Every structure is written in structure tokens, then in C-alpha cells.
């Protein structure tokens, strides 16, 4: 049996959470544009966060290639998201419940917006 490392798990978790954070940022930009009279500065901050997040998503995908990880199915239900993946030939799955997803996404949003995230775990790219 091949061991799946904590770095592998971090990459897979990031693969699940970060695209949802990117979608939330896109939704927030639309809401800000529709409701505020001067949305520009707020949209600029979120757009910069999106740029940083997109760069990290690129690194996650690069890490997948380097580590032989492939997520071949993501199933969303009322309770959360289950990702089925293959890591160096070993098949497994990761489940993240919506409550945990919301907490992790909130921390990730704060990180990308440049806010304090101390004492909070962040779904991101593991160190090289």
C-alpha cells in the first residue's frame, strides 16, 4: 500500500475548496457592482485576491502532476462534497462537510484578501 502524505491531502483539500472560494469572490463582485454606488475599490481588492488564488490553483494542479494525483470525481450532496481520487495508483476519497467547508473557505478568503488568519488552518498549497 502506498502512503498518502499530509501534503497530498492538503493538495486535494485545496482542489476542493479553492475553486469554491473563487466562485464566492465572483458572486461577491457581482453583488457589489449591483448594490454599491462606488464599487471600484472593493472590486479591485477582490480581483487581486482572485489573482492570488488563481496562482495558487495553478500550483495545486502542478503539485497534482508532480505527485501523481488525479481527482476523477466530485460528488456534491446536501451534507458536503466527496472527491474520489487516485494518488500514485492508490484510490481513495476525501469528504468535506459543508460546515467545515464554510469555515475553511472563510479562512481562505481572509488569507487572499490580506486579512489576519492567525490560529486558523488555511487550505492552500503545501510548502515545497
Protein backbone atom coordinates (compact mmCIF):
# COMPACT_ATOMS: atom_id res chain seq x y z
CA UNK A 1 0.00 0.00 0.00
CA UNK A 2 1.27 3.45 -0.91
CA UNK A 3 1.16 6.07 1.79
CA UNK A 4 -0.71 9.26 1.01
CA UNK A 5 1.13 12.10 2.71
CA UNK A 6 -0.31 15.07 4.55
CA UNK A 7 0.92 17.23 1.66
CA UNK A 8 -1.13 15.08 -0.73
CA UNK A 9 -4.18 15.56 1.48
CA UNK A 10 -3.58 19.31 1.61
CA UNK A 11 -3.43 19.50 -2.18
CA UNK A 12 -6.64 17.51 -2.55
CA UNK A 13 -8.41 19.63 0.05
CA UNK A 14 -7.24 22.78 -1.73
CA UNK A 15 -8.51 21.33 -5.02
CA UNK A 16 -11.96 21.04 -3.44
CA UNK A 17 -12.11 24.32 -1.50
CA UNK A 18 -10.26 26.93 -3.58
CA UNK A 19 -12.47 26.79 -6.70
CA UNK A 20 -15.48 27.36 -4.44
CA UNK A 21 -13.78 30.38 -2.88
CA UNK A 22 -13.09 31.72 -6.38
CA UNK A 23 -16.79 31.29 -7.20
CA UNK A 24 -17.74 33.11 -4.00
CA UNK A 25 -15.46 36.01 -4.95
CA UNK A 26 -17.10 36.17 -8.38
CA UNK A 27 -20.55 36.20 -6.78
CA UNK A 28 -19.49 38.90 -4.34
CA UNK A 29 -18.15 41.11 -7.15
CA UNK A 30 -21.50 40.84 -8.93
CA UNK A 31 -23.35 41.77 -5.74
CA UNK A 32 -21.03 44.68 -5.00
CA UNK A 33 -21.37 46.01 -8.55
CA UNK A 34 -25.15 45.75 -8.34
CA UNK A 35 -25.60 47.36 -4.91
CA UNK A 36 -22.84 49.90 -4.22
CA UNK A 37 -22.55 53.32 -5.77
CA UNK A 38 -18.73 53.18 -5.77
CA UNK A 39 -17.85 49.51 -6.17
CA UNK A 40 -14.42 50.09 -7.77
CA UNK A 41 -12.13 49.90 -4.72
CA UNK A 42 -13.94 46.86 -3.30
CA UNK A 43 -13.91 45.06 -6.62
CA UNK A 44 -10.19 45.85 -7.02
CA UNK A 45 -9.39 44.22 -3.67
CA UNK A 46 -11.39 41.12 -4.52
CA UNK A 47 -9.91 40.96 -8.03
CA UNK A 48 -6.41 40.97 -6.52
CA UNK A 49 -7.47 38.17 -4.16
CA UNK A 50 -8.76 36.25 -7.19
CA UNK A 51 -5.43 36.70 -8.94
CA UNK A 52 -3.54 35.28 -5.94
CA UNK A 53 -6.00 32.42 -5.58
CA UNK A 54 -5.75 31.56 -9.28
CA UNK A 55 -1.95 31.43 -8.96
CA UNK A 56 -2.30 29.01 -6.04
CA UNK A 57 -4.75 26.87 -8.01
CA UNK A 58 -2.10 26.64 -10.73
CA UNK A 59 0.38 25.43 -8.08
CA UNK A 60 -2.15 22.88 -6.82
CA UNK A 61 -2.54 21.47 -10.34
CA UNK A 62 1.24 21.45 -10.75
CA UNK A 63 1.53 19.59 -7.44
CA UNK A 64 -1.03 17.07 -8.68
CA UNK A 65 1.11 16.36 -11.75
CA UNK A 66 4.32 16.10 -9.72
CA UNK A 67 2.79 13.78 -7.11
CA UNK A 68 0.70 11.63 -9.45
CA UNK A 69 -2.67 12.75 -8.07
CA UNK A 70 -5.84 12.77 -10.11
CA UNK A 71 -9.30 13.67 -8.81
CA UNK A 72 -11.62 11.75 -11.09
CA UNK A 73 -14.98 12.52 -9.47
CA UNK A 74 -16.50 15.11 -7.17
CA UNK A 75 -19.96 14.46 -5.78
CA UNK A 76 -21.87 17.24 -4.07
CA UNK A 77 -24.83 16.48 -1.83
CA UNK A 78 -26.79 18.15 0.98
CA UNK A 79 -24.14 17.22 3.53
CA UNK A 80 -20.93 18.15 1.69
CA UNK A 81 -18.54 17.20 -1.09
CA UNK A 82 -16.84 13.87 -1.71
CA UNK A 83 -13.85 13.76 -4.03
CA UNK A 84 -12.70 10.40 -5.34
CA UNK A 85 -9.07 10.43 -6.34
CA UNK A 86 -6.12 8.34 -7.36
CA UNK A 87 -2.73 9.06 -5.81
CA UNK A 88 0.25 7.18 -7.26
CA UNK A 89 -2.03 4.24 -8.12
CA UNK A 90 -3.86 4.18 -4.78
CA UNK A 91 -7.58 5.03 -4.94
CA UNK A 92 -9.32 6.79 -2.08
CA UNK A 93 -11.76 9.56 -1.32
CA UNK A 94 -11.96 12.73 0.76
CA UNK A 95 -15.17 14.09 2.21
CA UNK A 96 -15.61 17.66 3.40
CA UNK A 97 -18.86 18.58 5.12
CA UNK A 98 -20.44 21.95 4.36
CA UNK A 99 -19.82 23.22 7.90
CA UNK A 100 -16.10 22.53 7.58
CA UNK A 101 -16.10 23.84 4.00
CA UNK A 102 -17.63 27.13 5.15
CA UNK A 103 -15.05 27.52 7.91
CA UNK A 104 -12.10 26.67 5.65
CA UNK A 105 -13.43 28.85 2.83
CA UNK A 106 -13.83 31.78 5.22
CA UNK A 107 -10.23 31.43 6.37
CA UNK A 108 -9.01 31.13 2.77
CA UNK A 109 -10.99 34.24 1.78
CA UNK A 110 -9.40 36.18 4.64
CA UNK A 111 -5.95 34.99 3.58
CA UNK A 112 -6.40 36.06 -0.05
CA UNK A 113 -7.92 39.38 0.99
CA UNK A 114 -4.86 40.07 3.14
CA UNK A 115 -6.65 39.78 6.47
CA UNK A 116 -5.43 38.11 9.66
CA UNK A 117 -5.76 34.32 9.67
CA UNK A 118 -3.63 33.51 12.71
CA UNK A 119 -4.53 30.37 14.66
CA UNK A 120 -6.69 29.21 11.76
CA UNK A 121 -5.81 26.45 9.30
CA UNK A 122 -5.73 27.57 5.67
CA UNK A 123 -6.45 25.40 2.63
CA UNK A 124 -3.55 26.29 0.40
CA UNK A 125 -0.55 24.93 -1.42
CA UNK A 126 1.79 22.93 0.84
CA UNK A 127 5.39 24.11 1.16
CA UNK A 128 7.83 22.67 -1.39
